[in-house]
C-alpha atoms as a PDB file:
ATOM      1  CA  MET A   1     -68.298 146.704  32.552  1.00  0.00           C
ATOM      2  CA  ASP A   2     -65.823 144.057  33.647  1.00  0.00           C
ATOM      3  CA  GLU A   3     -65.636 142.266  36.997  1.00  0.00           C
ATOM      4  CA  PHE A   4     -62.891 144.540  38.362  1.00  0.00           C
ATOM      5  CA  GLN A   5     -64.949 147.671  37.659  1.00  0.00           C
ATOM      6  CA  ARG A   6     -68.054 146.082  39.181  1.00  0.00           C
ATOM      7  CA  SER A   7     -66.188 145.101  42.335  1.00  0.00           C
ATOM      8  CA  TRP A   8     -64.733 148.632  42.645  1.00  0.00           C
ATOM      9  CA  LEU A   9     -68.227 150.107  42.389  1.00  0.00           C
ATOM     10  CA  LEU A  10     -69.627 147.698  44.958  1.00  0.00           C
ATOM     11  CA  ALA A  11     -66.736 148.547  47.283  1.00  0.00           C
ATOM     12  CA  GLN A  12     -67.537 152.248  46.960  1.00  0.00           C
ATOM     13  CA  LEU A  13     -71.336 151.981  47.101  1.00  0.00           C
ATOM     14  CA  GLY A  14     -71.947 148.937  49.286  1.00  0.00           C
ATOM     15  CA  PRO A  15     -72.807 145.312  48.502  1.00  0.00           C
ATOM     16  CA  ASP A  16     -76.576 145.959  48.524  1.00  0.00           C
ATOM     17  CA  THR A  17     -76.357 148.142  45.404  1.00  0.00           C
ATOM     18  CA  ASP A  18     -78.207 146.667  42.418  1.00  0.00           C
ATOM     19  CA  PRO A  19     -75.640 145.422  39.843  1.00  0.00           C
ATOM     20  CA  ALA A  20     -78.151 145.730  36.973  1.00  0.00           C
ATOM     21  CA  ASP A  21     -78.667 149.398  37.841  1.00  0.00           C
ATOM     22  CA  LEU A  22     -74.903 149.909  37.852  1.00  0.00           C
ATOM     23  CA  GLU A  23     -74.649 148.262  34.416  1.00  0.00           C
ATOM     24  CA  ARG A  24     -77.318 150.574  32.961  1.00  0.00           C
ATOM     25  CA  ARG A  25     -75.606 153.642  34.410  1.00  0.00           C
ATOM     26  CA  PHE A  26     -72.194 152.512  33.131  1.00  0.00           C
ATOM     27  CA  PHE A  27     -73.621 151.971  29.641  1.00  0.00           C
ATOM     28  CA  ARG A  28     -74.901 155.573  29.690  1.00  0.00           C
ATOM     29  CA  LEU A  29     -71.972 157.292  31.445  1.00  0.00           C
ATOM     30  CA  ARG A  30     -68.995 155.130  30.320  1.00  0.00           C
ATOM     31  CA  SER A  31     -67.052 155.781  33.555  1.00  0.00           C
ATOM     32  CA  VAL A  32     -67.158 153.900  36.852  1.00  0.00           C
ATOM     33  CA  ARG A  33     -66.238 157.067  38.747  1.00  0.00           C
ATOM     34  CA  ALA A  34     -69.172 158.902  37.115  1.00  0.00           C
ATOM     35  CA  VAL A  35     -71.487 156.024  38.078  1.00  0.00           C
ATOM     36  CA  ALA A  36     -70.323 156.137  41.699  1.00  0.00           C
ATOM     37  CA  LEU A  37     -70.685 159.914  41.866  1.00  0.00           C
ATOM     38  CA  GLU A  38     -74.166 159.770  40.339  1.00  0.00           C
ATOM     39  CA  VAL A  39     -75.374 157.152  42.843  1.00  0.00           C
ATOM     40  CA  LEU A  40     -73.874 159.050  45.777  1.00  0.00           C
ATOM     41  CA  GLY A  41     -75.380 162.287  44.461  1.00  0.00           C
ATOM     42  CA  GLU A  42     -78.818 160.656  44.362  1.00  0.00           C
ATOM     43  CA  ARG A  43     -78.388 159.425  47.929  1.00  0.00           C
ATOM     44  CA  ARG A  44     -77.407 162.955  48.984  1.00  0.00           C
ATOM     45  CA  ALA A  45     -80.408 164.465  47.166  1.00  0.00           C
ATOM     46  CA  LYS A  46     -82.731 161.969  48.855  1.00  0.00           C
ATOM     47  CA  LEU A  47     -81.437 163.056  52.267  1.00  0.00           C
ATOM     48  CA  LEU A  48     -81.842 166.725  51.367  1.00  0.00           C
ATOM     49  CA  ALA A  49     -85.418 166.200  50.146  1.00  0.00           C
ATOM     50  CA  ASP A  50     -86.573 165.323  53.658  1.00  0.00           C
ATOM     51  CA  PRO A  51     -86.031 167.338  56.835  1.00  0.00           C
ATOM     52  CA  LEU A  52     -82.601 166.643  58.315  1.00  0.00           C
ATOM     53  CA  LYS A  53     -83.790 166.942  61.893  1.00  0.00           C
ATOM     54  CA  VAL A  54     -87.166 165.899  63.307  1.00  0.00           C
ATOM     55  CA  THR A  55     -88.109 166.205  66.968  1.00  0.00           C
ATOM     56  CA  VAL A  56     -91.227 164.888  68.654  1.00  0.00           C
ATOM     57  CA  ASP A  57     -91.139 166.490  72.111  1.00  0.00           C
ATOM     58  CA  GLY A  58     -90.448 163.956  74.814  1.00  0.00           C
ATOM     59  CA  VAL A  59     -90.590 161.007  72.421  1.00  0.00           C
ATOM     60  CA  VAL A  60     -87.839 160.952  69.812  1.00  0.00           C
ATOM     61  CA  THR A  61     -85.304 163.096  67.989  1.00  0.00           C
ATOM     62  CA  MET A  62     -83.976 162.047  64.592  1.00  0.00           C
ATOM     63  CA  ASP A  63     -80.949 163.896  63.208  1.00  0.00           C
ATOM     64  CA  LEU A  64     -79.614 163.019  59.750  1.00  0.00           C
ATOM     65  CA  GLN A  65     -77.064 165.834  59.451  1.00  0.00           C
ATOM     66  CA  GLU A  66     -74.113 163.506  60.155  1.00  0.00           C
ATOM     67  CA  ASN A  67     -75.366 161.124  57.463  1.00  0.00           C
ATOM     68  CA  LEU A  68     -75.360 164.017  55.008  1.00  0.00           C
ATOM     69  CA  ARG A  69     -71.837 165.031  56.017  1.00  0.00           C
ATOM     70  CA  GLY A  70     -70.723 161.418  55.675  1.00  0.00           C
ATOM     71  CA  ILE A  71     -72.080 161.147  52.130  1.00  0.00           C
ATOM     72  CA  GLU A  72     -70.422 164.445  51.189  1.00  0.00           C
ATOM     73  CA  ARG A  73     -67.087 163.184  52.549  1.00  0.00           C
ATOM     74  CA  HIS A  74     -67.596 159.956  50.613  1.00  0.00           C
ATOM     75  CA  ILE A  75     -68.224 161.919  47.398  1.00  0.00           C
ATOM     76  CA  ASP A  76     -64.958 163.813  47.940  1.00  0.00           C
ATOM     77  CA  ALA A  77     -63.117 160.536  48.578  1.00  0.00           C
ATOM     78  CA  VAL A  78     -64.482 158.944  45.373  1.00  0.00           C
ATOM     79  CA  ARG A  79     -63.258 161.967  43.407  1.00  0.00           C
ATOM     80  CA  GLN A  80     -59.738 161.504  44.807  1.00  0.00           C
ATOM     81  CA  VAL A  81     -59.302 157.724  44.966  1.00  0.00           C
ATOM     82  CA  PRO A  82     -57.954 156.052  41.793  1.00  0.00           C
ATOM     83  CA  ALA A  83     -60.684 154.454  39.687  1.00  0.00           C
ATOM     84  CA  PRO A  84     -60.164 151.425  37.418  1.00  0.00           C
ATOM     85  CA  GLU A  85     -60.149 153.603  34.285  1.00  0.00           C
ATOM     86  CA  ASP A  86     -57.379 155.733  35.832  1.00  0.00           C
ATOM     87  CA  GLU A  87     -55.215 152.649  36.310  1.00  0.00           C
ATOM     88  CA  ASP A  88     -55.680 151.612  32.666  1.00  0.00           C
ATOM     89  CA  GLU A  89     -54.264 154.959  31.539  1.00  0.00           C
ATOM     90  CA  ALA A  90     -51.360 154.769  33.988  1.00  0.00           C
ATOM     91  CA  SER A  91     -50.399 151.241  32.893  1.00  0.00           C
ATOM     92  CA  SER A  92     -49.979 152.299  29.261  1.00  0.00           C
ATOM     93  CA  THR A  93     -47.196 154.798  30.006  1.00  0.00           C
ATOM     94  CA  LEU A  94     -43.609 153.739  29.496  1.00  0.00           C
ATOM     95  CA  ALA A  95     -40.878 154.674  31.924  1.00  0.00           C
ATOM     96  CA  VAL A  96     -37.165 154.444  31.234  1.00  0.00           C
ATOM     97  CA  ALA A  97     -34.623 154.396  34.032  1.00  0.00           C
ATOM     98  CA  ARG A  98     -30.869 154.375  33.791  1.00  0.00           C
ATOM     99  CA  LEU A  99     -28.985 151.972  36.021  1.00  0.00           C
ATOM    100  CA  VAL A 100     -25.751 153.439  37.356  1.00  0.00           C
ATOM    101  CA  PRO A 101     -23.354 151.344  39.446  1.00  0.00           C
ATOM    102  CA  THR A 102     -22.629 152.710  42.908  1.00  0.00           C
ATOM    103  CA  ARG A 103     -18.914 151.879  42.626  1.00  0.00           C
ATOM    104  CA  CYS A 104     -16.639 151.722  39.631  1.00  0.00           C
ATOM    105  CA  TYR A 105     -14.512 148.580  39.426  1.00  0.00           C
ATOM    106  CA  ARG A 106     -11.416 148.173  37.265  1.00  0.00           C
END
């Protein structure tokens, strides 16, 4: 994994994400988008493992449903945003354009 891929992952997952963990996942998955989706999927599963809403009458109410919706929106965004490997494929294509003058001079 190069520095550009690492910085893209940290931008998607937050600066507190362990870079060594990202390296191990990239070695196994071979795609930065797959690494980001796997980490976000684990975060989503961790939220779903615990109750989303806890209420102690008269003391506190904790509601994690918006956090879950936020992670799901983030997963959708990661699927749509261009990843570094997508840009490598796009840069290898060749485009040819014809230049045509707007006026003909004699």
